Amino acid sequence: MMCMGPPNALDLILVATLTQAWVPPFHSELNGPSWYVSTLCALWIFLPMWVKVADRIAHLGGIRAMSACFFLVWLCNVFLPAFLLLSPAHFELGEVRAFLEYSPYTNWQPFCMGILLAC
C-alpha cells in the first residue's frame, strides 16, 4: 500500500508525458516502474543518430574502431558515477543514487553498448 499524499500537477504531467526520469528526482512515486519506459523514450529519440554513427564507424574503422568506441563508452560508464560520488559539490547520496539509477543521462551507456555490439 502506498503511503504518499495526493499527487501534484507536475507529477501527473511528467508521468503522462513519460519524462519523469529526465528531471529531478528522476522517478515518480505515482507510477514507480514507468521510469524505465521514460528512460527508453529518451534513448529512442537518439537511436537513429547513434545507429548511423555506429554503422559509419564499423564500415570505416573496422573492429579496432568499434573496440575503441566500446572502450570509450565503458569509460563513461565508470567515470561519470565516480565523478558524481567524489565531486566537491555537495549532493545528497539519495539524489546521486536516484540520478545514477533512473536518469537517461546515466543509462545511455548500456544502450550504446548494445548498439555497438549489434553492428
C-alpha atoms as a PDB file:
ATOM      1  CA  MET A   1       0.000   0.000   0.000  1.00  0.00           C
ATOM      2  CA  MET A   2       1.377   3.408  -0.906  1.00  0.00           C
ATOM      3  CA  CYS A   3       1.894   5.984   1.837  1.00  0.00           C
ATOM      4  CA  MET A   4       2.004   9.153  -0.193  1.00  0.00           C
ATOM      5  CA  GLY A   5      -0.203  12.169  -0.325  1.00  0.00           C
ATOM      6  CA  PRO A   6      -2.232  13.305  -3.295  1.00  0.00           C
ATOM      7  CA  PRO A   7      -0.204  13.675  -6.495  1.00  0.00           C
ATOM      8  CA  ASN A   8       0.703  17.166  -7.584  1.00  0.00           C
ATOM      9  CA  ALA A   9       0.109  18.503 -11.082  1.00  0.00           C
ATOM     10  CA  LEU A  10       3.791  18.326 -12.061  1.00  0.00           C
ATOM     11  CA  ASP A  11       3.990  14.603 -11.223  1.00  0.00           C
ATOM     12  CA  LEU A  12       0.882  13.943 -13.284  1.00  0.00           C
ATOM     13  CA  ILE A  13       2.260  15.848 -16.274  1.00  0.00           C
ATOM     14  CA  LEU A  14       5.678  14.165 -16.084  1.00  0.00           C
ATOM     15  CA  VAL A  15       4.202  10.670 -15.805  1.00  0.00           C
ATOM     16  CA  ALA A  16       1.677  11.316 -18.595  1.00  0.00           C
ATOM     17  CA  THR A  17       4.400  12.581 -20.964  1.00  0.00           C
ATOM     18  CA  LEU A  18       6.924   9.882 -19.941  1.00  0.00           C
ATOM     19  CA  THR A  19       9.503  12.469 -18.893  1.00  0.00           C
ATOM     20  CA  GLN A  20       9.692  11.837 -15.137  1.00  0.00           C
ATOM     21  CA  ALA A  21      13.164  10.250 -15.429  1.00  0.00           C
ATOM     22  CA  TRP A  22      14.512  13.322 -17.251  1.00  0.00           C
ATOM     23  CA  VAL A  23      14.265  15.782 -14.339  1.00  0.00           C
ATOM     24  CA  PRO A  24      14.923  15.515 -10.581  1.00  0.00           C
ATOM     25  CA  PRO A  25      14.010  13.413  -8.627  1.00  0.00           C
ATOM     26  CA  PHE A  26      14.369  11.153 -11.727  1.00  0.00           C
ATOM     27  CA  HIS A  27      11.499   8.860 -10.766  1.00  0.00           C
ATOM     28  CA  SER A  28       7.947   9.200  -9.587  1.00  0.00           C
ATOM     29  CA  GLU A  29       6.124   7.616  -6.680  1.00  0.00           C
ATOM     30  CA  LEU A  30       2.968   7.945  -8.743  1.00  0.00           C
ATOM     31  CA  ASN A  31       3.954   5.139 -11.140  1.00  0.00           C
ATOM     32  CA  GLY A  32       7.258   3.694  -9.983  1.00  0.00           C
ATOM     33  CA  PRO A  33       8.117   1.294 -12.828  1.00  0.00           C
ATOM     34  CA  SER A  34       7.409   3.883 -15.515  1.00  0.00           C
ATOM     35  CA  TRP A  35      10.903   5.401 -15.043  1.00  0.00           C
ATOM     36  CA  TYR A  36      12.166   2.597 -17.296  1.00  0.00           C
ATOM     37  CA  VAL A  37       9.823   3.497 -20.155  1.00  0.00           C
ATOM     38  CA  SER A  38      10.646   7.174 -19.611  1.00  0.00           C
ATOM     39  CA  THR A  39      14.369   6.421 -19.935  1.00  0.00           C
ATOM     40  CA  LEU A  40      13.800   4.273 -23.029  1.00  0.00           C
ATOM     41  CA  CYS A  41      11.740   7.065 -24.568  1.00  0.00           C
ATOM     42  CA  ALA A  42      14.668   9.463 -24.165  1.00  0.00           C
ATOM     43  CA  LEU A  43      17.119   6.932 -25.611  1.00  0.00           C
ATOM     44  CA  TRP A  44      14.856   6.097 -28.564  1.00  0.00           C
ATOM     45  CA  ILE A  45      14.957   9.749 -29.575  1.00  0.00           C
ATOM     46  CA  PHE A  46      18.696   9.393 -30.210  1.00  0.00           C
ATOM     47  CA  LEU A  47      18.580   5.826 -31.587  1.00  0.00           C
ATOM     48  CA  PRO A  48      18.611   6.697 -35.326  1.00  0.00           C
ATOM     49  CA  MET A  49      21.601   9.006 -34.901  1.00  0.00           C
ATOM     50  CA  TRP A  50      23.552   6.507 -32.773  1.00  0.00           C
ATOM     51  CA  VAL A  51      22.888   3.635 -35.195  1.00  0.00           C
ATOM     52  CA  LYS A  52      24.023   5.767 -38.126  1.00  0.00           C
ATOM     53  CA  VAL A  53      27.242   6.741 -36.323  1.00  0.00           C
ATOM     54  CA  ALA A  54      27.925   3.159 -35.217  1.00  0.00           C
ATOM     55  CA  ASP A  55      27.398   1.858 -38.764  1.00  0.00           C
ATOM     56  CA  ARG A  56      29.739   4.503 -40.161  1.00  0.00           C
ATOM     57  CA  ILE A  57      32.414   3.645 -37.583  1.00  0.00           C
ATOM     58  CA  ALA A  58      32.015  -0.076 -38.276  1.00  0.00           C
ATOM     59  CA  HIS A  59      32.357   0.368 -42.039  1.00  0.00           C
ATOM     60  CA  LEU A  60      35.215   2.886 -41.989  1.00  0.00           C
ATOM     61  CA  GLY A  61      37.259   1.753 -38.992  1.00  0.00           C
ATOM     62  CA  GLY A  62      36.507  -1.906 -38.610  1.00  0.00           C
ATOM     63  CA  ILE A  63      36.859  -3.872 -35.410  1.00  0.00           C
ATOM     64  CA  ARG A  64      39.552  -1.609 -33.932  1.00  0.00           C
ATOM     65  CA  ALA A  65      37.393   1.498 -34.205  1.00  0.00           C
ATOM     66  CA  MET A  66      34.403  -0.364 -32.769  1.00  0.00           C
ATOM     67  CA  SER A  67      36.555  -1.626 -29.889  1.00  0.00           C
ATOM     68  CA  ALA A  68      37.803   1.905 -29.220  1.00  0.00           C
ATOM     69  CA  CYS A  69      34.214   3.229 -29.160  1.00  0.00           C
ATOM     70  CA  PHE A  70      33.168   0.390 -26.888  1.00  0.00           C
ATOM     71  CA  PHE A  71      36.056   1.247 -24.552  1.00  0.00           C
ATOM     72  CA  LEU A  72      35.153   4.970 -24.535  1.00  0.00           C
ATOM     73  CA  VAL A  73      31.534   4.205 -23.702  1.00  0.00           C
ATOM     74  CA  TRP A  74      32.712   1.873 -20.926  1.00  0.00           C
ATOM     75  CA  LEU A  75      34.946   4.649 -19.543  1.00  0.00           C
ATOM     76  CA  CYS A  76      31.937   6.972 -19.436  1.00  0.00           C
ATOM     77  CA  ASN A  77      30.065   4.258 -17.575  1.00  0.00           C
ATOM     78  CA  VAL A  78      32.832   4.123 -14.953  1.00  0.00           C
ATOM     79  CA  PHE A  79      33.886   7.751 -14.614  1.00  0.00           C
ATOM     80  CA  LEU A  80      30.529   9.544 -14.523  1.00  0.00           C
ATOM     81  CA  PRO A  81      29.332   7.774 -11.350  1.00  0.00           C
ATOM     82  CA  ALA A  82      32.789   8.130  -9.788  1.00  0.00           C
ATOM     83  CA  PHE A  83      32.809  11.838 -10.594  1.00  0.00           C
ATOM     84  CA  LEU A  84      29.381  12.332  -9.048  1.00  0.00           C
ATOM     85  CA  LEU A  85      30.298  10.465  -5.895  1.00  0.00           C
ATOM     86  CA  LEU A  86      33.684  12.198  -5.484  1.00  0.00           C
ATOM     87  CA  SER A  87      32.589  15.622  -6.696  1.00  0.00           C
ATOM     88  CA  PRO A  88      33.252  18.595  -4.435  1.00  0.00           C
ATOM     89  CA  ALA A  89      29.638  19.680  -4.943  1.00  0.00           C
ATOM     90  CA  HIS A  90      27.546  18.631  -2.012  1.00  0.00           C
ATOM     91  CA  PHE A  91      24.939  16.252  -3.341  1.00  0.00           C
ATOM     92  CA  GLU A  92      22.940  14.105  -1.020  1.00  0.00           C
ATOM     93  CA  LEU A  93      23.636  10.414  -1.525  1.00  0.00           C
ATOM     94  CA  GLY A  94      19.941   9.791  -2.232  1.00  0.00           C
ATOM     95  CA  GLU A  95      19.963  12.344  -5.062  1.00  0.00           C
ATOM     96  CA  VAL A  96      23.081  10.818  -6.628  1.00  0.00           C
ATOM     97  CA  ARG A  97      21.652   7.314  -6.277  1.00  0.00           C
ATOM     98  CA  ALA A  98      18.368   8.313  -7.937  1.00  0.00           C
ATOM     99  CA  PHE A  99      20.264  10.066 -10.751  1.00  0.00           C
ATOM    100  CA  LEU A 100      22.523   7.049 -11.356  1.00  0.00           C
ATOM    101  CA  GLU A 101      19.695   4.528 -11.252  1.00  0.00           C
ATOM    102  CA  TYR A 102      16.876   6.235 -13.125  1.00  0.00           C
ATOM    103  CA  SER A 103      18.152   9.016 -15.360  1.00  0.00           C
ATOM    104  CA  PRO A 104      18.619   8.584 -19.115  1.00  0.00           C
ATOM    105  CA  TYR A 105      21.751  10.716 -18.727  1.00  0.00           C
ATOM    106  CA  THR A 106      23.399   7.794 -16.924  1.00  0.00           C
ATOM    107  CA  ASN A 107      21.638   4.901 -18.657  1.00  0.00           C
ATOM    108  CA  TRP A 108      22.740   5.681 -22.221  1.00  0.00           C
ATOM    109  CA  GLN A 109      25.954   3.663 -21.906  1.00  0.00           C
ATOM    110  CA  PRO A 110      24.389   0.181 -21.802  1.00  0.00           C
ATOM    111  CA  PHE A 111      22.065   1.254 -24.613  1.00  0.00           C
ATOM    112  CA  CYS A 112      25.012   2.382 -26.776  1.00  0.00           C
ATOM    113  CA  MET A 113      26.988  -0.752 -25.948  1.00  0.00           C
ATOM    114  CA  GLY A 114      24.113  -2.818 -27.278  1.00  0.00           C
ATOM    115  CA  ILE A 115      24.094  -0.788 -30.497  1.00  0.00           C
ATOM    116  CA  LEU A 116      27.862  -1.226 -30.889  1.00  0.00           C
ATOM    117  CA  LEU A 117      27.609  -4.969 -30.290  1.00  0.00           C
ATOM    118  CA  ALA A 118      24.857  -5.244 -32.900  1.00  0.00           C
ATOM    119  CA  CYS A 119      26.910  -3.538 -35.644  1.00  0.00           C
END
